[in-house]
Amino acid sequence: MASKKSVKSKARGKRAAKPSARKSAKKNAGKTSAAKQRAKTAVKKAAARKPAAKAAVKKTAAKAGAARAAVKSDIKHPVLKLILARLDEDQAANTIHIDLANKSTIADWMVVTSGRSNRHVNAIADHVIESLHKSGVPQVRVEGMPNCDWVLIDAGDVILHIFRPEVRAFYNLEKMWMREPAQA
């Protein structure tokens, strides 16, 4: 059995630990409040800089939107307009459309665009196909969905090619179709 003296010293030890823990907590609390103050100051400085950056982004976006609207307003073909709008929403890169009316009988328009990755190409293709079905375009034919390196969507008068950037550079379809016929 423990003596009274040892029990009291154990109890004092426990009591003694509590005030020191409180002191260290107060010291740490002072440090954290200073850190919080520095963080608040940094946030305020960043917030002061943001309006100018936001305004620049809005101007750039407005210019890009106006340019896209001007291009879309020139287009009379409803399926082509629908496809270009969908590609713009899905952030497809380097989208070009080529008038094939006087060059080929396979279609009136060809659209060539790129996705960032296989997954992005797949998502773009799925959204375009869904939009075409909802708008009532009959018999949309699709090739290349399993690999998603190059997806071809045939919407009748409009043929859409969605590439990964490396595959697009390799095949270079737009160069072939945009070339002027040779003079005889």
Protein backbone atom coordinates (compact mmCIF):
# COMPACT_ATOMS: atom_id res chain seq x y z
CA MET A 1 0.00 0.00 0.00
CA ALA A 2 1.29 3.42 -0.91
CA SER A 3 2.06 5.91 1.78
CA LYS A 4 0.14 9.15 2.16
CA LYS A 5 3.22 11.09 1.15
CA SER A 6 3.57 9.38 -2.24
CA VAL A 7 -0.14 9.79 -2.99
CA LYS A 8 0.06 13.51 -2.21
CA SER A 9 3.13 13.98 -4.41
CA LYS A 10 1.39 12.22 -7.28
CA ALA A 11 -1.62 14.46 -6.83
CA ARG A 12 0.59 17.56 -6.70
CA GLY A 13 2.32 16.41 -9.86
CA LYS A 14 -0.99 16.22 -11.65
CA ARG A 15 -2.04 19.60 -10.34
CA ALA A 16 1.28 21.10 -11.27
CA ALA A 17 0.99 19.88 -14.84
CA LYS A 18 -2.27 21.68 -15.42
CA PRO A 19 -1.04 25.26 -14.91
CA SER A 20 2.01 24.70 -17.11
CA ALA A 21 -0.17 23.28 -19.85
CA ARG A 22 -2.33 26.38 -19.60
CA LYS A 23 0.70 28.63 -19.92
CA SER A 24 1.96 26.84 -23.02
CA ALA A 25 -1.52 26.97 -24.51
CA LYS A 26 -1.60 30.74 -23.94
CA LYS A 27 1.81 31.13 -25.57
CA ASN A 28 0.72 29.07 -28.56
CA ALA A 29 -2.57 30.95 -28.77
CA GLY A 30 -0.63 34.21 -29.07
CA LYS A 31 1.41 32.74 -31.90
CA THR A 32 -1.61 31.46 -33.76
CA SER A 33 -3.43 34.77 -33.46
CA ALA A 34 -0.39 36.51 -34.95
CA ALA A 35 -0.36 33.98 -37.78
CA LYS A 36 -4.07 34.50 -38.30
CA GLN A 37 -3.52 38.25 -38.43
CA ARG A 38 -0.80 37.85 -41.08
CA ALA A 39 -3.11 35.61 -43.11
CA LYS A 40 -5.94 38.13 -42.89
CA THR A 41 -3.61 40.90 -44.05
CA ALA A 42 -2.47 38.78 -47.01
CA VAL A 43 -6.09 38.04 -47.95
CA LYS A 44 -6.96 41.74 -47.82
CA LYS A 45 -4.01 42.62 -50.05
CA ALA A 46 -4.96 39.90 -52.54
CA ALA A 47 -8.58 41.07 -52.53
CA ALA A 48 -7.43 44.60 -53.30
CA ARG A 49 -5.59 43.30 -56.39
CA LYS A 50 -8.42 41.03 -57.62
CA PRO A 51 -10.81 43.63 -59.11
CA ALA A 52 -8.26 44.73 -61.69
CA ALA A 53 -7.46 41.12 -62.58
CA LYS A 54 -11.14 40.21 -62.77
CA ALA A 55 -11.83 43.18 -65.03
CA ALA A 56 -9.01 42.12 -67.38
CA VAL A 57 -10.36 38.56 -67.49
CA LYS A 58 -13.87 39.82 -68.17
CA LYS A 59 -12.66 42.04 -71.02
CA THR A 60 -10.71 39.18 -72.57
CA ALA A 61 -13.68 36.82 -72.20
CA ALA A 62 -16.00 39.44 -73.67
CA LYS A 63 -13.72 39.89 -76.70
CA ALA A 64 -13.49 36.13 -77.22
CA GLY A 65 -17.25 35.76 -76.81
CA ALA A 66 -17.88 38.55 -79.31
CA ALA A 67 -15.52 36.94 -81.81
CA ARG A 68 -17.24 33.56 -81.40
CA ALA A 69 -20.67 35.18 -81.72
CA ALA A 70 -19.58 36.92 -84.92
CA VAL A 71 -18.38 33.62 -86.38
CA LYS A 72 -21.57 31.80 -85.35
CA SER A 73 -23.84 34.53 -86.69
CA ASP A 74 -22.33 34.09 -90.17
CA ILE A 75 -23.23 30.41 -90.18
CA LYS A 76 -26.62 29.56 -91.62
CA HIS A 77 -26.51 25.76 -91.29
CA PRO A 78 -28.39 24.78 -88.08
CA VAL A 79 -26.52 21.51 -87.45
CA LEU A 80 -23.15 23.21 -87.90
CA LYS A 81 -24.24 25.99 -85.55
CA LEU A 82 -25.33 23.43 -82.95
CA ILE A 83 -22.06 21.49 -83.18
CA LEU A 84 -19.89 24.61 -82.93
CA ALA A 85 -21.86 25.85 -79.91
CA ARG A 86 -21.49 22.49 -78.18
CA LEU A 87 -17.75 22.35 -78.92
CA ASP A 88 -17.37 25.84 -77.49
CA GLU A 89 -19.21 24.83 -74.30
CA ASP A 90 -17.03 21.74 -73.90
CA GLN A 91 -13.81 23.77 -74.37
CA ALA A 92 -12.65 21.95 -77.46
CA ALA A 93 -9.36 23.41 -78.73
CA ASN A 94 -8.41 24.73 -82.18
CA THR A 95 -11.82 24.24 -83.75
CA ILE A 96 -12.03 24.96 -87.46
CA HIS A 97 -14.87 24.43 -89.91
CA ILE A 98 -14.28 23.87 -93.61
CA ASP A 99 -16.84 24.45 -96.35
CA LEU A 100 -16.89 21.32 -98.52
CA ALA A 101 -19.86 22.28 -100.68
CA ASN A 102 -17.73 22.89 -103.80
CA LYS A 103 -14.99 20.39 -102.93
CA SER A 104 -16.77 17.13 -102.18
CA THR A 105 -20.12 15.39 -102.27
CA ILE A 106 -19.67 13.59 -98.93
CA ALA A 107 -20.81 16.57 -96.85
CA ASP A 108 -21.34 20.33 -96.90
CA TRP A 109 -19.18 21.05 -93.84
CA MET A 110 -16.29 19.45 -92.01
CA VAL A 111 -15.38 20.42 -88.47
CA VAL A 112 -11.97 19.51 -87.02
CA THR A 113 -11.26 20.01 -83.33
CA SER A 114 -9.06 18.72 -80.51
CA GLY A 115 -9.56 17.50 -76.97
CA ARG A 116 -6.86 17.57 -74.31
CA SER A 117 -6.90 13.82 -73.64
CA ASN A 118 -8.75 10.60 -74.51
CA ARG A 119 -11.21 11.31 -71.72
CA HIS A 120 -11.83 14.86 -72.94
CA VAL A 121 -12.33 13.62 -76.52
CA ASN A 122 -14.83 11.05 -75.23
CA ALA A 123 -16.74 13.67 -73.22
CA ILE A 124 -16.90 16.08 -76.17
CA ALA A 125 -18.14 13.31 -78.48
CA ASP A 126 -20.79 12.16 -75.97
CA HIS A 127 -22.10 15.71 -75.51
CA VAL A 128 -22.21 16.43 -79.24
CA ILE A 129 -24.03 13.15 -79.95
CA GLU A 130 -26.51 13.85 -77.16
CA SER A 131 -27.15 17.38 -78.51
CA LEU A 132 -27.65 16.06 -82.05
CA HIS A 133 -30.14 13.43 -80.86
CA LYS A 134 -32.06 16.00 -78.80
CA SER A 135 -32.27 18.36 -81.78
CA GLY A 136 -33.69 15.56 -83.93
CA VAL A 137 -30.81 14.96 -86.35
CA PRO A 138 -31.54 11.54 -87.89
CA GLN A 139 -29.01 8.71 -88.17
CA VAL A 140 -25.96 10.13 -86.45
CA ARG A 141 -23.11 7.69 -87.09
CA VAL A 142 -20.06 7.48 -84.81
CA GLU A 143 -16.65 5.83 -85.25
CA GLY A 144 -13.67 5.59 -82.89
CA MET A 145 -15.34 5.78 -79.49
CA PRO A 146 -13.53 2.83 -77.84
CA ASN A 147 -10.03 4.37 -78.11
CA CYS A 148 -10.98 8.07 -78.31
CA ASP A 149 -7.80 9.05 -80.17
CA TRP A 150 -9.88 10.14 -83.15
CA VAL A 151 -13.67 10.19 -83.04
CA LEU A 152 -15.61 10.79 -86.24
CA ILE A 153 -19.24 11.87 -86.02
CA ASP A 154 -21.25 11.90 -89.26
CA ALA A 155 -24.31 14.10 -88.88
CA GLY A 156 -25.33 14.04 -92.54
CA ASP A 157 -24.32 17.42 -93.96
CA VAL A 158 -21.70 17.96 -91.24
CA ILE A 159 -18.79 15.65 -90.45
CA LEU A 160 -17.02 16.21 -87.14
CA HIS A 161 -13.52 14.96 -86.36
CA ILE A 162 -12.42 15.14 -82.71
CA PHE A 163 -8.73 14.37 -82.20
CA ARG A 164 -6.17 14.19 -79.46
CA PRO A 165 -3.55 16.87 -80.33
CA GLU A 166 -0.82 14.36 -81.28
CA VAL A 167 -3.12 12.40 -83.60
CA ARG A 168 -4.40 15.58 -85.19
CA ALA A 169 -0.86 16.73 -85.94
CA PHE A 170 -0.05 13.34 -87.48
CA TYR A 171 -3.04 13.17 -89.88
CA ASN A 172 -3.29 16.92 -90.57
CA LEU A 173 -6.74 16.67 -92.20
CA GLU A 174 -7.40 20.38 -92.32
CA LYS A 175 -4.33 20.94 -94.50
CA MET A 176 -5.58 18.38 -96.99
CA TRP A 177 -9.09 19.85 -97.24
CA MET A 178 -8.14 23.53 -97.08
CA ARG A 179 -5.63 23.26 -99.90
CA GLU A 180 -6.68 25.07 -103.04
CA PRO A 181 -7.08 22.94 -106.17
CA ALA A 182 -4.08 22.90 -108.52
CA GLN A 183 -4.25 25.20 -111.52
CA ALA A 184 -4.19 23.27 -114.84
